[in-house]
N, C-alpha and C. Protein backbone atom coordinates (compact mmCIF):
# COMPACT_ATOMS: atom_id res chain seq x y z
N LYS A 1 33.87 -14.32 11.90
CA LYS A 1 33.68 -13.69 10.40
C LYS A 1 32.24 -13.96 9.97
N ALA A 2 32.41 -12.55 9.34
CA ALA A 2 31.13 -12.92 8.41
C ALA A 2 31.08 -11.17 7.23
N ASP A 3 30.78 -11.58 6.09
CA ASP A 3 30.80 -10.47 4.66
C ASP A 3 28.79 -9.93 5.23
N VAL A 4 29.05 -8.55 5.98
CA VAL A 4 28.40 -7.72 7.09
C VAL A 4 27.28 -7.86 6.03
N SER A 5 27.99 -7.67 4.54
CA SER A 5 26.74 -6.71 3.68
C SER A 5 25.94 -8.24 2.67
N GLU A 6 26.17 -9.09 3.07
CA GLU A 6 25.34 -10.73 2.65
C GLU A 6 24.63 -10.81 3.50
N GLU A 7 23.07 -10.96 3.41
CA GLU A 7 22.52 -11.73 3.97
C GLU A 7 22.48 -12.49 4.52
N LEU A 8 22.61 -13.81 4.17
CA LEU A 8 22.84 -15.42 4.59
C LEU A 8 23.76 -15.54 5.40
N GLN A 9 25.28 -14.54 5.60
CA GLN A 9 26.40 -14.69 6.30
C GLN A 9 25.71 -13.35 7.79
N VAL A 10 25.30 -12.84 7.69
CA VAL A 10 24.35 -12.09 8.80
C VAL A 10 23.63 -12.95 9.66
N ARG A 11 22.52 -13.55 8.86
CA ARG A 11 21.87 -14.63 9.53
C ARG A 11 22.21 -15.87 10.22
N GLU A 12 23.23 -16.01 9.72
CA GLU A 12 24.35 -17.49 10.38
C GLU A 12 25.13 -16.49 11.53
N LEU A 13 25.62 -15.54 11.51
CA LEU A 13 26.65 -15.45 11.83
C LEU A 13 25.63 -14.70 12.99
N PHE A 14 24.32 -14.38 13.70
CA PHE A 14 23.19 -13.64 14.56
C PHE A 14 23.33 -14.97 15.09
N GLY A 15 22.71 -16.54 14.64
CA GLY A 15 22.22 -17.76 14.43
C GLY A 15 23.39 -17.87 15.74
N LYS A 16 24.38 -17.39 14.76
CA LYS A 16 25.91 -18.06 15.94
C LYS A 16 26.09 -17.50 17.25
N ILE A 17 25.47 -16.40 17.03
CA ILE A 17 25.67 -15.97 18.43
C ILE A 17 25.03 -15.78 19.82
N ILE A 18 23.89 -16.73 18.91
CA ILE A 18 22.50 -16.75 20.10
C ILE A 18 23.03 -18.30 20.55
N GLU A 19 23.46 -19.23 19.86
CA GLU A 19 24.03 -20.58 20.20
C GLU A 19 25.19 -20.50 21.25
N VAL A 20 26.35 -19.57 21.00
CA VAL A 20 27.31 -18.98 21.70
C VAL A 20 26.69 -18.82 22.67
N PHE A 21 26.16 -17.69 22.79
CA PHE A 21 26.08 -16.33 24.25
C PHE A 21 24.16 -16.84 24.73
N GLY A 22 23.26 -17.40 23.93
CA GLY A 22 21.99 -17.87 24.17
C GLY A 22 21.37 -16.22 24.30
N SER A 23 21.79 -15.20 23.78
CA SER A 23 21.63 -14.36 24.13
C SER A 23 21.97 -12.85 23.25
N LEU A 24 21.17 -11.55 23.17
CA LEU A 24 22.12 -10.55 22.72
C LEU A 24 21.11 -9.40 23.23
N ASP A 25 22.29 -8.28 23.70
CA ASP A 25 21.58 -6.94 24.50
C ASP A 25 21.44 -5.86 23.83
N ILE A 26 23.25 -5.88 22.84
CA ILE A 26 23.56 -4.79 22.26
C ILE A 26 24.51 -5.48 20.84
N LEU A 27 24.06 -4.20 19.65
CA LEU A 27 24.47 -3.91 18.71
C LEU A 27 25.10 -2.67 18.51
N VAL A 28 27.04 -2.47 18.10
CA VAL A 28 27.00 -1.89 17.83
C VAL A 28 27.56 -2.06 16.28
N ASN A 29 26.66 -1.16 15.73
CA ASN A 29 27.21 -1.34 13.73
C ASN A 29 28.74 -0.40 13.55
N ASN A 30 29.82 -0.54 13.18
CA ASN A 30 30.88 0.10 13.08
C ASN A 30 31.53 -1.04 11.44
N ALA A 31 30.51 -0.92 10.59
CA ALA A 31 31.13 -1.20 9.72
C ALA A 31 31.15 -0.01 8.62
N GLY A 32 31.97 0.02 7.66
CA GLY A 32 33.04 1.25 7.16
C GLY A 32 33.31 1.76 6.80
N THR A 33 33.64 1.69 4.90
CA THR A 33 34.95 1.89 4.07
C THR A 33 34.15 3.07 3.44
N SER A 34 35.83 3.65 2.74
CA SER A 34 35.73 4.77 1.98
C SER A 34 37.13 4.69 0.34
N LYS A 35 36.80 5.29 -0.38
CA LYS A 35 37.66 5.05 -1.15
C LYS A 35 38.24 6.86 -1.62
N ASP A 36 39.12 7.13 -2.30
CA ASP A 36 39.65 8.47 -2.59
C ASP A 36 39.58 8.82 -3.53
N GLU A 37 38.01 8.59 -4.07
CA GLU A 37 38.05 8.61 -5.77
C GLU A 37 36.95 10.02 -5.61
N ASN A 38 37.19 10.59 -6.90
CA ASN A 38 36.17 11.33 -7.13
C ASN A 38 34.64 10.92 -7.81
N ILE A 39 33.79 11.73 -8.33
CA ILE A 39 32.46 11.19 -9.05
C ILE A 39 33.27 10.09 -10.56
N PHE A 40 33.84 10.90 -11.09
CA PHE A 40 33.90 10.57 -12.24
C PHE A 40 34.91 9.49 -11.95
N GLU A 41 36.08 9.58 -11.12
CA GLU A 41 37.08 7.78 -11.54
C GLU A 41 36.06 6.67 -10.45
N THR A 42 35.15 7.04 -9.51
CA THR A 42 33.98 5.35 -9.50
C THR A 42 32.79 5.02 -10.19
N ASN A 43 33.47 3.81 -10.37
CA ASN A 43 32.60 2.81 -11.54
C ASN A 43 31.01 2.90 -10.57
N LEU A 44 30.57 1.85 -11.21
CA LEU A 44 29.03 1.49 -10.86
C LEU A 44 28.94 0.33 -9.24
N ASP A 45 30.03 -0.53 -9.90
CA ASP A 45 30.59 -1.87 -8.84
C ASP A 45 31.48 -0.74 -7.96
N SER A 46 31.87 -0.33 -8.02
CA SER A 46 32.79 0.33 -6.67
C SER A 46 31.85 1.19 -5.65
N PHE A 47 30.83 2.00 -6.56
CA PHE A 47 29.97 2.37 -5.72
C PHE A 47 28.68 1.66 -4.79
N LYS A 48 28.53 0.10 -5.77
CA LYS A 48 27.07 -0.58 -5.06
C LYS A 48 28.08 -1.24 -3.76
N ARG A 49 29.83 -1.22 -3.97
CA ARG A 49 30.30 -2.16 -2.72
C ARG A 49 30.15 -1.19 -1.37
N LEU A 50 30.49 0.29 -2.08
CA LEU A 50 30.21 1.35 -0.83
C LEU A 50 28.70 1.21 0.16
N MET A 51 28.13 1.27 -0.75
CA MET A 51 26.65 1.46 -0.25
C MET A 51 26.48 -0.24 0.60
N ASP A 52 26.86 -1.39 0.03
CA ASP A 52 26.73 -3.05 0.93
C ASP A 52 27.71 -2.16 1.66
N ILE A 53 28.26 -1.88 1.97
CA ILE A 53 29.44 -2.03 3.15
C ILE A 53 28.84 -1.12 4.32
N ASN A 54 28.66 0.16 4.12
CA ASN A 54 28.40 1.09 4.65
C ASN A 54 26.44 1.20 4.93
N LEU A 55 25.84 0.39 4.86
CA LEU A 55 24.21 0.89 4.35
C LEU A 55 23.83 -0.75 4.78
N THR A 56 23.92 -1.33 3.42
CA THR A 56 23.59 -2.56 3.03
C THR A 56 23.38 -3.82 5.10
N SER A 57 24.58 -2.99 5.57
CA SER A 57 25.56 -4.23 6.36
C SER A 57 24.62 -3.77 7.48
N THR A 58 24.39 -2.13 7.71
CA THR A 58 23.81 -1.90 9.20
C THR A 58 22.69 -2.63 9.04
N PHE A 59 22.08 -1.94 7.76
CA PHE A 59 20.78 -2.64 7.58
C PHE A 59 20.07 -3.91 8.10
N LEU A 60 20.69 -4.89 7.40
CA LEU A 60 21.08 -6.42 7.83
C LEU A 60 21.19 -6.50 9.10
N CYS A 61 22.54 -6.20 9.89
CA CYS A 61 22.65 -6.29 10.99
C CYS A 61 21.68 -5.94 12.05
N ALA A 62 21.43 -4.25 12.10
CA ALA A 62 19.77 -4.19 12.62
C ALA A 62 18.50 -4.94 12.83
N LYS A 63 18.35 -5.35 11.68
CA LYS A 63 17.20 -6.12 11.37
C LYS A 63 16.98 -7.50 12.00
N GLU A 64 18.26 -8.21 11.95
CA GLU A 64 18.62 -9.51 12.33
C GLU A 64 18.63 -9.08 14.23
N ALA A 65 19.81 -8.36 14.54
CA ALA A 65 19.72 -8.12 16.25
C ALA A 65 18.20 -7.48 16.61
N MET A 66 17.40 -6.86 15.72
CA MET A 66 16.29 -6.19 16.21
C MET A 66 15.46 -7.56 17.13
N GLN A 67 15.17 -8.44 15.67
CA GLN A 67 14.11 -9.65 15.98
C GLN A 67 14.47 -10.34 17.27
N ILE A 68 16.26 -10.05 17.90
CA ILE A 68 16.30 -11.08 18.61
C ILE A 68 15.50 -9.92 19.60
N MET A 69 15.75 -8.70 20.21
CA MET A 69 15.53 -7.73 20.88
C MET A 69 13.88 -7.82 21.13
N LYS A 70 13.35 -8.02 19.69
CA LYS A 70 12.08 -7.31 19.74
C LYS A 70 11.39 -9.05 21.28
N ASP A 71 11.64 -10.05 20.87
CA ASP A 71 11.17 -11.68 21.55
C ASP A 71 11.38 -11.34 22.83
N LYS A 72 12.90 -10.54 23.30
CA LYS A 72 13.08 -10.16 24.81
C LYS A 72 12.50 -8.92 25.29
N LYS A 73 11.76 -8.15 24.13
CA LYS A 73 11.89 -6.55 24.55
C LYS A 73 12.09 -6.37 25.54
N TYR A 74 14.10 -6.13 24.57
CA TYR A 74 14.87 -5.44 25.31
C TYR A 74 16.36 -5.31 24.29
N GLY A 75 17.37 -3.77 24.68
CA GLY A 75 17.39 -4.30 23.58
C GLY A 75 18.47 -2.76 23.04
N ARG A 76 19.54 -2.49 22.66
CA ARG A 76 20.46 -1.34 22.36
C ARG A 76 21.02 -1.27 20.81
N ILE A 77 20.72 -0.23 19.88
CA ILE A 77 21.61 -0.48 18.62
C ILE A 77 22.18 0.64 18.40
N ILE A 78 24.04 0.64 18.85
CA ILE A 78 24.87 1.68 18.34
C ILE A 78 24.94 2.26 17.07
N GLN A 79 24.63 3.10 16.13
CA GLN A 79 24.88 2.94 14.31
C GLN A 79 26.01 4.46 14.69
N ILE A 80 27.54 3.59 14.27
CA ILE A 80 28.49 4.47 14.36
C ILE A 80 28.87 4.91 12.85
N SER A 81 28.66 6.20 12.29
CA SER A 81 28.81 6.43 11.20
C SER A 81 30.76 7.22 11.05
N SER A 82 30.72 7.22 9.69
CA SER A 82 32.21 7.39 9.52
C SER A 82 32.42 9.10 8.91
N VAL A 83 33.34 9.83 9.32
CA VAL A 83 33.84 11.31 9.03
C VAL A 83 33.79 11.18 7.79
N VAL A 84 33.51 10.82 6.68
CA VAL A 84 32.84 11.36 5.10
C VAL A 84 31.85 11.09 5.32
């Protein structure tokens, strides 16, 4: 369990994956959220949180996974986007 928009938590998560499973072959990035607000209703903090969950988390998880996959010269990453 981790907040995948937080770099330290992502590092710890991937460390635990290696500790428990010994390897990583595939990552499916499927975290995402949306708000039913228009631009006039959305404040900057809300916008930043959306970006952290939808984009930053994808970057952080892919970066950690790619480091593991690079070392073993094998791996797959699947990115799933929202309907929004």
